[in-house]
PDB file of N, CA and C in Angstrom:
ATOM      1  N   MET A   1       0.863  10.738  -0.640  1.00  0.00           N
ATOM      2  CA  MET A   1       2.021  10.041  -0.117  1.00  0.00           C
ATOM      3  C   MET A   1       2.746   9.339  -1.260  1.00  0.00           C
ATOM      4  N   SER A   2       4.008   9.553  -1.366  1.00  0.00           N
ATOM      5  CA  SER A   2       4.817   8.935  -2.404  1.00  0.00           C
ATOM      6  C   SER A   2       5.149   7.503  -2.004  1.00  0.00           C
ATOM      7  N   GLN A   3       5.083   6.607  -2.970  1.00  0.00           N
ATOM      8  CA  GLN A   3       5.413   5.216  -2.713  1.00  0.00           C
ATOM      9  C   GLN A   3       6.691   4.864  -3.454  1.00  0.00           C
ATOM     10  N   ILE A   4       7.516   4.079  -2.810  1.00  0.00           N
ATOM     11  CA  ILE A   4       8.763   3.637  -3.408  1.00  0.00           C
ATOM     12  C   ILE A   4       8.470   2.450  -4.314  1.00  0.00           C
ATOM     13  N   ILE A   5       8.770   2.598  -5.599  1.00  0.00           N
ATOM     14  CA  ILE A   5       8.620   1.488  -6.535  1.00  0.00           C
ATOM     15  C   ILE A   5      10.002   0.870  -6.721  1.00  0.00           C
ATOM     16  N   LEU A   6      10.129  -0.372  -6.299  1.00  0.00           N
ATOM     17  CA  LEU A   6      11.409  -1.065  -6.378  1.00  0.00           C
ATOM     18  C   LEU A   6      11.720  -1.543  -7.788  1.00  0.00           C
ATOM     19  N   HIS A   7      10.675  -1.912  -8.511  1.00  0.00           N
ATOM     20  CA  HIS A   7      10.839  -2.492  -9.844  1.00  0.00           C
ATOM     21  C   HIS A   7       9.501  -2.374 -10.571  1.00  0.00           C
ATOM     22  N   SER A   8       9.546  -2.287 -11.872  1.00  0.00           N
ATOM     23  CA  SER A   8       8.331  -2.188 -12.678  1.00  0.00           C
ATOM     24  C   SER A   8       8.502  -3.030 -13.933  1.00  0.00           C
ATOM     25  N   VAL A   9       7.434  -3.709 -14.337  1.00  0.00           N
ATOM     26  CA  VAL A   9       7.460  -4.550 -15.532  1.00  0.00           C
ATOM     27  C   VAL A   9       6.283  -4.176 -16.415  1.00  0.00           C
ATOM     28  N   GLU A  10       6.585  -3.773 -17.648  1.00  0.00           N
ATOM     29  CA  GLU A  10       5.547  -3.494 -18.643  1.00  0.00           C
ATOM     30  C   GLU A  10       5.175  -4.815 -19.304  1.00  0.00           C
ATOM     31  N   CYS A  11       3.879  -5.052 -19.466  1.00  0.00           N
ATOM     32  CA  CYS A  11       3.395  -6.288 -20.068  1.00  0.00           C
ATOM     33  C   CYS A  11       2.680  -5.981 -21.374  1.00  0.00           C
ATOM     34  N   PRO A  12       2.457  -6.989 -22.198  1.00  0.00           N
ATOM     35  CA  PRO A  12       1.705  -6.757 -23.431  1.00  0.00           C
ATOM     36  C   PRO A  12       0.308  -6.221 -23.122  1.00  0.00           C
ATOM     37  N   ASP A  13      -0.193  -5.365 -24.012  1.00  0.00           N
ATOM     38  CA  ASP A  13      -1.545  -4.825 -23.849  1.00  0.00           C
ATOM     39  C   ASP A  13      -2.560  -5.965 -23.794  1.00  0.00           C
ATOM     40  N   GLN A  14      -3.613  -5.725 -23.046  1.00  0.00           N
ATOM     41  CA  GLN A  14      -4.686  -6.713 -22.934  1.00  0.00           C
ATOM     42  C   GLN A  14      -6.020  -5.984 -22.971  1.00  0.00           C
ATOM     43  N   ASP A  15      -6.933  -6.443 -23.803  1.00  0.00           N
ATOM     44  CA  ASP A  15      -8.266  -5.845 -23.950  1.00  0.00           C
ATOM     45  C   ASP A  15      -8.181  -4.348 -24.243  1.00  0.00           C
ATOM     46  N   GLY A  16      -7.136  -3.936 -24.965  1.00  0.00           N
ATOM     47  CA  GLY A  16      -6.972  -2.538 -25.325  1.00  0.00           C
ATOM     48  C   GLY A  16      -6.314  -1.681 -24.254  1.00  0.00           C
ATOM     49  N   PHE A  17      -5.934  -2.266 -23.140  1.00  0.00           N
ATOM     50  CA  PHE A  17      -5.329  -1.530 -22.029  1.00  0.00           C
ATOM     51  C   PHE A  17      -3.838  -1.824 -21.921  1.00  0.00           C
ATOM     52  N   GLN A  18      -3.104  -0.832 -21.436  1.00  0.00           N
ATOM     53  CA  GLN A  18      -1.698  -1.021 -21.082  1.00  0.00           C
ATOM     54  C   GLN A  18      -1.664  -1.665 -19.697  1.00  0.00           C
ATOM     55  N   ILE A  19      -0.764  -2.615 -19.502  1.00  0.00           N
ATOM     56  CA  ILE A  19      -0.656  -3.340 -18.233  1.00  0.00           C
ATOM     57  C   ILE A  19       0.775  -3.202 -17.724  1.00  0.00           C
ATOM     58  N   ARG A  20       0.912  -2.871 -16.451  1.00  0.00           N
ATOM     59  CA  ARG A  20       2.238  -2.908 -15.836  1.00  0.00           C
ATOM     60  C   ARG A  20       2.095  -3.431 -14.406  1.00  0.00           C
ATOM     61  N   PHE A  21       3.173  -4.027 -13.955  1.00  0.00           N
ATOM     62  CA  PHE A  21       3.246  -4.507 -12.577  1.00  0.00           C
ATOM     63  C   PHE A  21       4.327  -3.720 -11.868  1.00  0.00           C
ATOM     64  N   GLU A  22       3.970  -3.204 -10.704  1.00  0.00           N
ATOM     65  CA  GLU A  22       4.909  -2.450  -9.879  1.00  0.00           C
ATOM     66  C   GLU A  22       5.152  -3.238  -8.594  1.00  0.00           C
ATOM     67  N   PHE A  23       6.375  -3.203  -8.144  1.00  0.00           N
ATOM     68  CA  PHE A  23       6.764  -3.924  -6.934  1.00  0.00           C
ATOM     69  C   PHE A  23       7.213  -2.915  -5.893  1.00  0.00           C
ATOM     70  N   LEU A  24       6.579  -2.992  -4.738  1.00  0.00           N
ATOM     71  CA  LEU A  24       6.821  -2.048  -3.659  1.00  0.00           C
ATOM     72  C   LEU A  24       7.265  -2.790  -2.405  1.00  0.00           C
ATOM     73  N   PRO A  25       7.953  -2.111  -1.507  1.00  0.00           N
ATOM     74  CA  PRO A  25       8.356  -2.779  -0.263  1.00  0.00           C
ATOM     75  C   PRO A  25       7.133  -3.166   0.566  1.00  0.00           C
ATOM     76  N   GLU A  26       7.181  -4.336   1.148  1.00  0.00           N
ATOM     77  CA  GLU A  26       6.138  -4.759   2.094  1.00  0.00           C
ATOM     78  C   GLU A  26       6.536  -4.215   3.455  1.00  0.00           C
ATOM     79  N   TRP A  27       5.646  -3.428   4.055  1.00  0.00           N
ATOM     80  CA  TRP A  27       5.966  -2.771   5.328  1.00  0.00           C
ATOM     81  C   TRP A  27       5.617  -3.624   6.537  1.00  0.00           C
ATOM     82  N   ILE A  28       4.786  -4.623   6.340  1.00  0.00           N
ATOM     83  CA  ILE A  28       4.450  -5.531   7.445  1.00  0.00           C
ATOM     84  C   ILE A  28       5.625  -6.479   7.642  1.00  0.00           C
ATOM     85  N   PRO A  29       6.103  -6.630   8.865  1.00  0.00           N
ATOM     86  CA  PRO A  29       7.229  -7.549   9.092  1.00  0.00           C
ATOM     87  C   PRO A  29       6.862  -8.980   8.692  1.00  0.00           C
ATOM     88  N   VAL A  30       7.816  -9.672   8.099  1.00  0.00           N
ATOM     89  CA  VAL A  30       7.589 -11.056   7.680  1.00  0.00           C
ATOM     90  C   VAL A  30       7.165 -11.914   8.869  1.00  0.00           C
ATOM     91  N   ARG A  31       7.672 -11.566  10.040  1.00  0.00           N
ATOM     92  CA  ARG A  31       7.336 -12.312  11.262  1.00  0.00           C
ATOM     93  C   ARG A  31       5.835 -12.249  11.580  1.00  0.00           C
ATOM     94  N   ASP A  32       5.171 -11.182  11.156  1.00  0.00           N
ATOM     95  CA  ASP A  32       3.732 -11.039  11.413  1.00  0.00           C
ATOM     96  C   ASP A  32       2.870 -11.842  10.440  1.00  0.00           C
ATOM     97  N   CYS A  33       3.493 -12.404   9.410  1.00  0.00           N
ATOM     98  CA  CYS A  33       2.723 -13.105   8.369  1.00  0.00           C
ATOM     99  C   CYS A  33       2.963 -14.610   8.328  1.00  0.00           C
ATOM    100  N   PHE A  34       3.986 -15.075   9.019  1.00  0.00           N
ATOM    101  CA  PHE A  34       4.299 -16.506   9.024  1.00  0.00           C
ATOM    102  C   PHE A  34       4.367 -17.010  10.457  1.00  0.00           C
ATOM    103  N   ASP A  35       3.943 -18.238  10.652  1.00  0.00           N
ATOM    104  CA  ASP A  35       3.912 -18.882  11.960  1.00  0.00           C
ATOM    105  C   ASP A  35       5.235 -19.629  12.174  1.00  0.00           C
ATOM    106  N   ASP A  36       5.918 -19.306  13.265  1.00  0.00           N
ATOM    107  CA  ASP A  36       7.196 -19.955  13.583  1.00  0.00           C
ATOM    108  C   ASP A  36       7.073 -21.464  13.743  1.00  0.00           C
ATOM    109  N   SER A  37       5.889 -21.950  14.087  1.00  0.00           N
ATOM    110  CA  SER A  37       5.741 -23.392  14.271  1.00  0.00           C
ATOM    111  C   SER A  37       5.721 -24.132  12.932  1.00  0.00           C
ATOM    112  N   CYS A  38       5.470 -23.420  11.848  1.00  0.00           N
ATOM    113  CA  CYS A  38       5.419 -24.036  10.513  1.00  0.00           C
ATOM    114  C   CYS A  38       6.537 -23.566   9.587  1.00  0.00           C
ATOM    115  N   HIS A  39       7.130 -22.419   9.890  1.00  0.00           N
ATOM    116  CA  HIS A  39       8.132 -21.812   9.021  1.00  0.00           C
ATOM    117  C   HIS A  39       9.336 -21.378   9.846  1.00  0.00           C
ATOM    118  N   ASP A  40      10.486 -21.374   9.224  1.00  0.00           N
ATOM    119  CA  ASP A  40      11.695 -20.858   9.867  1.00  0.00           C
ATOM    120  C   ASP A  40      11.763 -19.353   9.567  1.00  0.00           C
ATOM    121  N   VAL A  41      11.013 -18.582  10.340  1.00  0.00           N
ATOM    122  CA  VAL A  41      10.883 -17.148  10.094  1.00  0.00           C
ATOM    123  C   VAL A  41      12.219 -16.431  10.224  1.00  0.00           C
ATOM    124  N   ALA A  42      13.038 -16.833  11.171  1.00  0.00           N
ATOM    125  CA  ALA A  42      14.359 -16.213  11.326  1.00  0.00           C
ATOM    126  C   ALA A  42      15.194 -16.407  10.053  1.00  0.00           C
ATOM    127  N   GLU A  43      15.080 -17.572   9.440  1.00  0.00           N
ATOM    128  CA  GLU A  43      15.808 -17.830   8.192  1.00  0.00           C
ATOM    129  C   GLU A  43      15.249 -16.971   7.055  1.00  0.00           C
ATOM    130  N   TYR A  44      13.923 -16.820   6.990  1.00  0.00           N
ATOM    131  CA  TYR A  44      13.317 -15.924   5.996  1.00  0.00           C
ATOM    132  C   TYR A  44      13.869 -14.506   6.163  1.00  0.00           C
ATOM    133  N   GLU A  45      13.905 -14.038   7.402  1.00  0.00           N
ATOM    134  CA  GLU A  45      14.399 -12.688   7.677  1.00  0.00           C
ATOM    135  C   GLU A  45      15.861 -12.549   7.257  1.00  0.00           C
ATOM    136  N   ARG A  46      16.652 -13.561   7.539  1.00  0.00           N
ATOM    137  CA  ARG A  46      18.066 -13.535   7.157  1.00  0.00           C
ATOM    138  C   ARG A  46      18.201 -13.492   5.628  1.00  0.00           C
ATOM    139  N   GLN A  47      17.405 -14.304   4.927  1.00  0.00           N
ATOM    140  CA  GLN A  47      17.486 -14.337   3.460  1.00  0.00           C
ATOM    141  C   GLN A  47      16.982 -13.037   2.836  1.00  0.00           C
ATOM    142  N   ILE A  48      16.019 -12.395   3.460  1.00  0.00           N
ATOM    143  CA  ILE A  48      15.563 -11.080   2.979  1.00  0.00           C
ATOM    144  C   ILE A  48      16.672 -10.045   3.194  1.00  0.00           C
ATOM    145  N   ASP A  49      17.253 -10.057   4.395  1.00  0.00           N
ATOM    146  CA  ASP A  49      18.312  -9.095   4.724  1.00  0.00           C
ATOM    147  C   ASP A  49      19.534  -9.242   3.830  1.00  0.00           C
ATOM    148  N   THR A  50      19.828 -10.462   3.386  1.00  0.00           N
ATOM    149  CA  THR A  50      21.010 -10.692   2.554  1.00  0.00           C
ATOM    150  C   THR A  50      20.692 -10.658   1.056  1.00  0.00           C
ATOM    151  N   GLY A  51      19.428 -10.447   0.707  1.00  0.00           N
ATOM    152  CA  GLY A  51      19.060 -10.308  -0.696  1.00  0.00           C
ATOM    153  C   GLY A  51      18.762 -11.601  -1.438  1.00  0.00           C
ATOM    154  N   PHE A  52      18.698 -12.709  -0.730  1.00  0.00           N
ATOM    155  CA  PHE A  52      18.371 -13.975  -1.398  1.00  0.00           C
ATOM    156  C   PHE A  52      16.878 -14.113  -1.642  1.00  0.00           C
ATOM    157  N   LEU A  53      16.075 -13.460  -0.825  1.00  0.00           N
ATOM    158  CA  LEU A  53      14.625 -13.439  -1.008  1.00  0.00           C
ATOM    159  C   LEU A  53      14.153 -11.990  -1.006  1.00  0.00           C
ATOM    160  N   ASP A  54      13.047 -11.766  -1.681  1.00  0.00           N
ATOM    161  CA  ASP A  54      12.407 -10.451  -1.687  1.00  0.00           C
ATOM    162  C   ASP A  54      11.088 -10.551  -0.934  1.00  0.00           C
ATOM    163  N   TRP A  55      10.761  -9.483  -0.217  1.00  0.00           N
ATOM    164  CA  TRP A  55       9.533  -9.382   0.581  1.00  0.00           C
ATOM    165  C   TRP A  55       8.830  -8.132   0.073  1.00  0.00           C
ATOM    166  N   PHE A  56       7.696  -8.312  -0.639  1.00  0.00           N
ATOM    167  CA  PHE A  56       7.150  -7.185  -1.379  1.00  0.00           C
ATOM    168  C   PHE A  56       5.638  -7.231  -1.562  1.00  0.00           C
ATOM    169  N   ILE A  57       5.150  -6.115  -2.083  1.00  0.00           N
ATOM    170  CA  ILE A  57       3.772  -5.948  -2.531  1.00  0.00           C
ATOM    171  C   ILE A  57       3.830  -5.832  -4.047  1.00  0.00           C
ATOM    172  N   CYS A  58       2.904  -6.464  -4.726  1.00  0.00           N
ATOM    173  CA  CYS A  58       2.809  -6.333  -6.175  1.00  0.00           C
ATOM    174  C   CYS A  58       1.513  -5.597  -6.499  1.00  0.00           C
ATOM    175  N   ARG A  59       1.626  -4.602  -7.376  1.00  0.00           N
ATOM    176  CA  ARG A  59       0.449  -3.836  -7.807  1.00  0.00           C
ATOM    177  C   ARG A  59       0.356  -3.913  -9.332  1.00  0.00           C
ATOM    178  N   CYS A  60      -0.805  -4.332  -9.801  1.00  0.00           N
ATOM    179  CA  CYS A  60      -1.085  -4.333 -11.237  1.00  0.00           C
ATOM    180  C   CYS A  60      -1.790  -3.018 -11.561  1.00  0.00           C
ATOM    181  N   VAL A  61      -1.275  -2.302 -12.556  1.00  0.00           N
ATOM    182  CA  VAL A  61      -1.842  -1.009 -12.947  1.00  0.00           C
ATOM    183  C   VAL A  61      -2.288  -1.118 -14.404  1.00  0.00           C
ATOM    184  N   VAL A  62      -3.542  -0.747 -14.652  1.00  0.00           N
ATOM    185  CA  VAL A  62      -4.115  -0.778 -15.991  1.00  0.00           C
ATOM    186  C   VAL A  62      -4.328   0.657 -16.442  1.00  0.00           C
ATOM    187  N   SER A  63      -3.846   0.966 -17.660  1.00  0.00           N
ATOM    188  CA  SER A  63      -3.892   2.332 -18.170  1.00  0.00           C
ATOM    189  C   SER A  63      -4.452   2.349 -19.581  1.00  0.00           C
ATOM    190  N   LEU A  64      -4.892   3.528 -19.965  1.00  0.00           N
ATOM    191  CA  LEU A  64      -5.300   3.794 -21.334  1.00  0.00           C
ATOM    192  C   LEU A  64      -4.732   5.162 -21.684  1.00  0.00           C
ATOM    193  N   CYS A  65      -3.982   5.240 -22.775  1.00  0.00           N
ATOM    194  CA  CYS A  65      -3.316   6.489 -23.172  1.00  0.00           C
ATOM    195  C   CYS A  65      -2.464   7.040 -22.028  1.00  0.00           C
ATOM    196  N   ASP A  66      -1.799   6.144 -21.316  1.00  0.00           N
ATOM    197  CA  ASP A  66      -0.920   6.487 -20.189  1.00  0.00           C
ATOM    198  C   ASP A  66      -1.647   7.134 -19.009  1.00  0.00           C
ATOM    199  N   ILE A  67      -2.966   6.931 -18.918  1.00  0.00           N
ATOM    200  CA  ILE A  67      -3.743   7.388 -17.761  1.00  0.00           C
ATOM    201  C   ILE A  67      -4.139   6.149 -16.961  1.00  0.00           C
ATOM    202  N   ASP A  68      -3.691   6.087 -15.711  1.00  0.00           N
ATOM    203  CA  ASP A  68      -4.003   4.942 -14.853  1.00  0.00           C
ATOM    204  C   ASP A  68      -5.488   4.937 -14.520  1.00  0.00           C
ATOM    205  N   LEU A  69      -6.136   3.795 -14.784  1.00  0.00           N
ATOM    206  CA  LEU A  69      -7.583   3.695 -14.569  1.00  0.00           C
ATOM    207  C   LEU A  69      -7.982   2.593 -13.594  1.00  0.00           C
ATOM    208  N   GLY A  70      -7.147   1.591 -13.432  1.00  0.00           N
ATOM    209  CA  GLY A  70      -7.502   0.490 -12.552  1.00  0.00           C
ATOM    210  C   GLY A  70      -6.272  -0.112 -11.907  1.00  0.00           C
ATOM    211  N   THR A  71      -6.442  -0.607 -10.690  1.00  0.00           N
ATOM    212  CA  THR A  71      -5.342  -1.266  -9.979  1.00  0.00           C
ATOM    213  C   THR A  71      -5.861  -2.446  -9.183  1.00  0.00           C
ATOM    214  N   ASP A  72      -4.965  -3.343  -8.894  1.00  0.00           N
ATOM    215  CA  ASP A  72      -5.216  -4.421  -7.939  1.00  0.00           C
ATOM    216  C   ASP A  72      -3.875  -4.752  -7.312  1.00  0.00           C
ATOM    217  N   SER A  73      -3.875  -5.071  -6.036  1.00  0.00           N
ATOM    218  CA  SER A  73      -2.623  -5.300  -5.316  1.00  0.00           C
ATOM    219  C   SER A  73      -2.674  -6.582  -4.509  1.00  0.00           C
ATOM    220  N   LEU A  74      -1.497  -7.123  -4.270  1.00  0.00           N
ATOM    221  CA  LEU A  74      -1.337  -8.285  -3.406  1.00  0.00           C
ATOM    222  C   LEU A  74      -0.079  -8.062  -2.590  1.00  0.00           C
ATOM    223  N   GLY A  75      -0.174  -8.230  -1.304  1.00  0.00           N
ATOM    224  CA  GLY A  75       0.972  -8.041  -0.431  1.00  0.00           C
ATOM    225  C   GLY A  75       1.404  -9.328   0.237  1.00  0.00           C
ATOM    226  N   GLY A  76       2.452  -9.214   1.023  1.00  0.00           N
ATOM    227  CA  GLY A  76       2.958 -10.365   1.762  1.00  0.00           C
ATOM    228  C   GLY A  76       3.563 -11.426   0.863  1.00  0.00           C
ATOM    229  N   ILE A  77       4.235 -10.992  -0.203  1.00  0.00           N
ATOM    230  CA  ILE A  77       4.833 -11.948  -1.143  1.00  0.00           C
ATOM    231  C   ILE A  77       6.297 -12.143  -0.779  1.00  0.00           C
ATOM    232  N   LEU A  78       6.648 -13.388  -0.572  1.00  0.00           N
ATOM    233  CA  LEU A  78       8.031 -13.779  -0.277  1.00  0.00           C
ATOM    234  C   LEU A  78       8.499 -14.654  -1.434  1.00  0.00           C
ATOM    235  N   HIS A  79       9.454 -14.149  -2.197  1.00  0.00           N
ATOM    236  CA  HIS A  79       9.898 -14.887  -3.391  1.00  0.00           C
ATOM    237  C   HIS A  79      11.334 -14.505  -3.729  1.00  0.00           C
ATOM    238  N   ASP A  80      11.932 -15.276  -4.615  1.00  0.00           N
ATOM    239  CA  ASP A  80      13.334 -15.035  -4.981  1.00  0.00           C
ATOM    240  C   ASP A  80      13.463 -14.167  -6.227  1.00  0.00           C
ATOM    241  N   GLY A  81      12.606 -13.178  -6.359  1.00  0.00           N
ATOM    242  CA  GLY A  81      12.705 -12.239  -7.477  1.00  0.00           C
ATOM    243  C   GLY A  81      11.335 -11.795  -7.939  1.00  0.00           C
ATOM    244  N   TYR A  82      11.259 -10.550  -8.387  1.00  0.00           N
ATOM    245  CA  TYR A  82       9.987  -9.976  -8.810  1.00  0.00           C
ATOM    246  C   TYR A  82       9.482 -10.629 -10.095  1.00  0.00           C
ATOM    247  N   GLU A  83      10.344 -10.652 -11.095  1.00  0.00           N
ATOM    248  CA  GLU A  83       9.914 -11.185 -12.390  1.00  0.00           C
ATOM    249  C   GLU A  83       9.705 -12.696 -12.338  1.00  0.00           C
ATOM    250  N   SER A  84      10.484 -13.395 -11.533  1.00  0.00           N
ATOM    251  CA  SER A  84      10.266 -14.844 -11.414  1.00  0.00           C
ATOM    252  C   SER A  84       8.934 -15.120 -10.714  1.00  0.00           C
ATOM    253  N   TRP A  85       8.525 -14.233  -9.795  1.00  0.00           N
ATOM    254  CA  TRP A  85       7.200 -14.385  -9.181  1.00  0.00           C
ATOM    255  C   TRP A  85       6.112 -14.183 -10.236  1.00  0.00           C
ATOM    256  N   LEU A  86       6.271 -13.165 -11.097  1.00  0.00           N
ATOM    257  CA  LEU A  86       5.294 -12.933 -12.168  1.00  0.00           C
ATOM    258  C   LEU A  86       5.155 -14.176 -13.041  1.00  0.00           C
ATOM    259  N   GLU A  87       6.280 -14.765 -13.404  1.00  0.00           N
ATOM    260  CA  GLU A  87       6.257 -15.964 -14.247  1.00  0.00           C
ATOM    261  C   GLU A  87       5.613 -17.143 -13.530  1.00  0.00           C
ATOM    262  N   SER A  88       5.961 -17.340 -12.270  1.00  0.00           N
ATOM    263  CA  SER A  88       5.444 -18.503 -11.539  1.00  0.00           C
ATOM    264  C   SER A  88       3.951 -18.388 -11.238  1.00  0.00           C
ATOM    265  N   GLU A  89       3.438 -17.169 -11.184  1.00  0.00           N
ATOM    266  CA  GLU A  89       2.024 -16.958 -10.871  1.00  0.00           C
ATOM    267  C   GLU A  89       1.221 -16.467 -12.072  1.00  0.00           C
ATOM    268  N   ALA A  90       1.748 -16.652 -13.287  1.00  0.00           N
ATOM    269  CA  ALA A  90       1.114 -16.113 -14.497  1.00  0.00           C
ATOM    270  C   ALA A  90      -0.335 -16.558 -14.658  1.00  0.00           C
ATOM    271  N   THR A  91      -0.640 -17.789 -14.305  1.00  0.00           N
ATOM    272  CA  THR A  91      -2.021 -18.276 -14.461  1.00  0.00           C
ATOM    273  C   THR A  91      -2.798 -18.244 -13.146  1.00  0.00           C
ATOM    274  N   GLY A  92      -2.191 -17.712 -12.109  1.00  0.00           N
ATOM    275  CA  GLY A  92      -2.838 -17.634 -10.807  1.00  0.00           C
ATOM    276  C   GLY A  92      -3.099 -16.193 -10.400  1.00  0.00           C
ATOM    277  N   TYR A  93      -2.346 -15.754  -9.401  1.00  0.00           N
ATOM    278  CA  TYR A  93      -2.528 -14.401  -8.871  1.00  0.00           C
ATOM    279  C   TYR A  93      -2.383 -13.326  -9.942  1.00  0.00           C
ATOM    280  N   VAL A  94      -1.385 -13.458 -10.806  1.00  0.00           N
ATOM    281  CA  VAL A  94      -1.116 -12.418 -11.811  1.00  0.00           C
ATOM    282  C   VAL A  94      -2.311 -12.248 -12.740  1.00  0.00           C
ATOM    283  N   SER A  95      -2.839 -13.347 -13.219  1.00  0.00           N
ATOM    284  CA  SER A  95      -4.014 -13.294 -14.099  1.00  0.00           C
ATOM    285  C   SER A  95      -5.209 -12.685 -13.376  1.00  0.00           C
ATOM    286  N   ASP A  96      -5.436 -13.093 -12.137  1.00  0.00           N
ATOM    287  CA  ASP A  96      -6.548 -12.544 -11.348  1.00  0.00           C
ATOM    288  C   ASP A  96      -6.396 -11.039 -11.140  1.00  0.00           C
ATOM    289  N   MET A  97      -5.180 -10.598 -10.835  1.00  0.00           N
ATOM    290  CA  MET A  97      -4.932  -9.171 -10.619  1.00  0.00           C
ATOM    291  C   MET A  97      -5.200  -8.379 -11.890  1.00  0.00           C
ATOM    292  N   GLN A  98      -4.748  -8.911 -13.027  1.00  0.00           N
ATOM    293  CA  GLN A  98      -4.993  -8.229 -14.303  1.00  0.00           C
ATOM    294  C   GLN A  98      -6.498  -8.099 -14.562  1.00  0.00           C
ATOM    295  N   GLN A  99      -7.225  -9.179 -14.361  1.00  0.00           N
ATOM    296  CA  GLN A  99      -8.658  -9.150 -14.630  1.00  0.00           C
ATOM    297  C   GLN A  99      -9.380  -8.156 -13.711  1.00  0.00           C
ATOM    298  N   GLN A 100      -9.011  -8.121 -12.444  1.00  0.00           N
ATOM    299  CA  GLN A 100      -9.650  -7.183 -11.505  1.00  0.00           C
ATOM    300  C   GLN A 100      -9.326  -5.732 -11.863  1.00  0.00           C
ATOM    301  N   ALA A 101      -8.070  -5.467 -12.219  1.00  0.00           N
ATOM    302  CA  ALA A 101      -7.676  -4.103 -12.579  1.00  0.00           C
ATOM    303  C   ALA A 101      -8.346  -3.668 -13.883  1.00  0.00           C
ATOM    304  N   ILE A 102      -8.468  -4.580 -14.842  1.00  0.00           N
ATOM    305  CA  ILE A 102      -9.158  -4.268 -16.093  1.00  0.00           C
ATOM    306  C   ILE A 102     -10.633  -3.990 -15.830  1.00  0.00           C
ATOM    307  N   LYS A 103     -11.239  -4.785 -14.982  1.00  0.00           N
ATOM    308  CA  LYS A 103     -12.649  -4.575 -14.636  1.00  0.00           C
ATOM    309  C   LYS A 103     -12.846  -3.188 -14.022  1.00  0.00           C
ATOM    310  N   GLU A 104     -11.967  -2.802 -13.101  1.00  0.00           N
ATOM    311  CA  GLU A 104     -12.053  -1.474 -12.486  1.00  0.00           C
ATOM    312  C   GLU A 104     -11.892  -0.376 -13.546  1.00  0.00           C
ATOM    313  N   ALA A 105     -10.948  -0.559 -14.464  1.00  0.00           N
ATOM    314  CA  ALA A 105     -10.725   0.430 -15.527  1.00  0.00           C
ATOM    315  C   ALA A 105     -11.955   0.547 -16.418  1.00  0.00           C
ATOM    316  N   GLN A 106     -12.549  -0.574 -16.775  1.00  0.00           N
ATOM    317  CA  GLN A 106     -13.748  -0.552 -17.622  1.00  0.00           C
ATOM    318  C   GLN A 106     -14.902   0.168 -16.925  1.00  0.00           C
ATOM    319  N   GLU A 107     -15.064  -0.078 -15.631  1.00  0.00           N
ATOM    320  CA  GLU A 107     -16.128   0.587 -14.875  1.00  0.00           C
ATOM    321  C   GLU A 107     -15.893   2.094 -14.807  1.00  0.00           C
ATOM    322  N   LYS A 108     -14.649   2.504 -14.601  1.00  0.00           N
ATOM    323  CA  LYS A 108     -14.334   3.940 -14.573  1.00  0.00           C
ATOM    324  C   LYS A 108     -14.613   4.587 -15.916  1.00  0.00           C
ATOM    325  N   LEU A 109     -14.252   3.907 -16.996  1.00  0.00           N
ATOM    326  CA  LEU A 109     -14.514   4.461 -18.334  1.00  0.00           C
ATOM    327  C   LEU A 109     -16.010   4.599 -18.597  1.00  0.00           C
ATOM    328  N   LYS A 110     -16.788   3.608 -18.198  1.00  0.00           N
ATOM    329  CA  LYS A 110     -18.245   3.682 -18.370  1.00  0.00           C
ATOM    330  C   LYS A 110     -18.811   4.884 -17.628  1.00  0.00           C
ATOM    331  N   GLU A 111     -18.345   5.092 -16.400  1.00  0.00           N
ATOM    332  CA  GLU A 111     -18.819   6.225 -15.604  1.00  0.00           C
ATOM    333  C   GLU A 111     -18.413   7.552 -16.253  1.00  0.00           C
ATOM    334  N   LEU A 112     -17.184   7.631 -16.736  1.00  0.00           N
ATOM    335  CA  LEU A 112     -16.735   8.850 -17.414  1.00  0.00           C
ATOM    336  C   LEU A 112     -17.574   9.139 -18.657  1.00  0.00           C
ATOM    337  N   PHE A 113     -17.880   8.114 -19.438  1.00  0.00           N
ATOM    338  CA  PHE A 113     -18.697   8.305 -20.638  1.00  0.00           C
ATOM    339  C   PHE A 113     -20.109   8.751 -20.274  1.00  0.00           C
ATOM    340  N   LYS A 114     -20.670   8.169 -19.207  1.00  0.00           N
ATOM    341  CA  LYS A 114     -22.007   8.572 -18.756  1.00  0.00           C
ATOM    342  C   LYS A 114     -22.014  10.041 -18.335  1.00  0.00           C
ATOM    343  N   ARG A 115     -21.033  10.435 -17.547  1.00  0.00           N
ATOM    344  CA  ARG A 115     -20.947  11.832 -17.090  1.00  0.00           C
ATOM    345  C   ARG A 115     -20.747  12.779 -18.262  1.00  0.00           C
ATOM    346  N   ASN A 116     -19.890  12.410 -19.181  1.00  0.00           N
ATOM    347  CA  ASN A 116     -19.604  13.243 -20.330  1.00  0.00           C
ATOM    348  C   ASN A 116     -20.873  13.398 -21.199  1.00  0.00           C
ATOM    349  N   HIS A 117     -21.610  12.342 -21.363  1.00  0.00           N
ATOM    350  CA  HIS A 117     -22.836  12.375 -22.178  1.00  0.00           C
ATOM    351  C   HIS A 117     -23.857  13.340 -21.534  1.00  0.00           C
ATOM    352  N   ARG A 118     -24.002  13.278 -20.207  1.00  0.00           N
ATOM    353  CA  ARG A 118     -24.946  14.148 -19.507  1.00  0.00           C
ATOM    354  C   ARG A 118     -24.556  15.629 -19.672  1.00  0.00           C
ATOM    355  N   GLU A 119     -23.247  15.892 -19.624  1.00  0.00           N
ATOM    356  CA  GLU A 119     -22.765  17.267 -19.753  1.00  0.00           C
ATOM    357  C   GLU A 119     -22.975  17.815 -21.153  1.00  0.00           C
ATOM    358  N   LEU A 120     -22.999  16.952 -22.155  1.00  0.00           N
ATOM    359  CA  LEU A 120     -23.180  17.394 -23.536  1.00  0.00           C
ATOM    360  C   LEU A 120     -24.639  17.611 -23.897  1.00  0.00           C
ATOM    361  N   ASP A 121     -25.537  17.022 -23.135  1.00  0.00           N
ATOM    362  CA  ASP A 121     -26.993  17.170 -23.425  1.00  0.00           C
ATOM    363  C   ASP A 121     -27.485  18.568 -23.182  1.00  0.00           C
TER     364      ASP A 121
END
């Protein structure tokens, strides 16, 4: 299944891996994620419809030699821009997503090396 990537941001390499963040449409209605008793959901919907707010999923992709090896995603993000969300969450969600995606990439590489070693024996 093809996914629509609304925006992509390349980041500096970390631990020898290429890092990028992809922003995809959030398919869950904003109304299903916020409580009307605490939030003005109709106003959120209006601001999304008029482009003042973005409603999206963020996916961190970790690659080596342009081969994707690890990912981590977070959905239900309501913010006034993709890159401003990255900046505002640099030491929070963004850092956590990078670490999880790097961990997945490292585990995949270890498994590939183990399999390759067995095949060469």
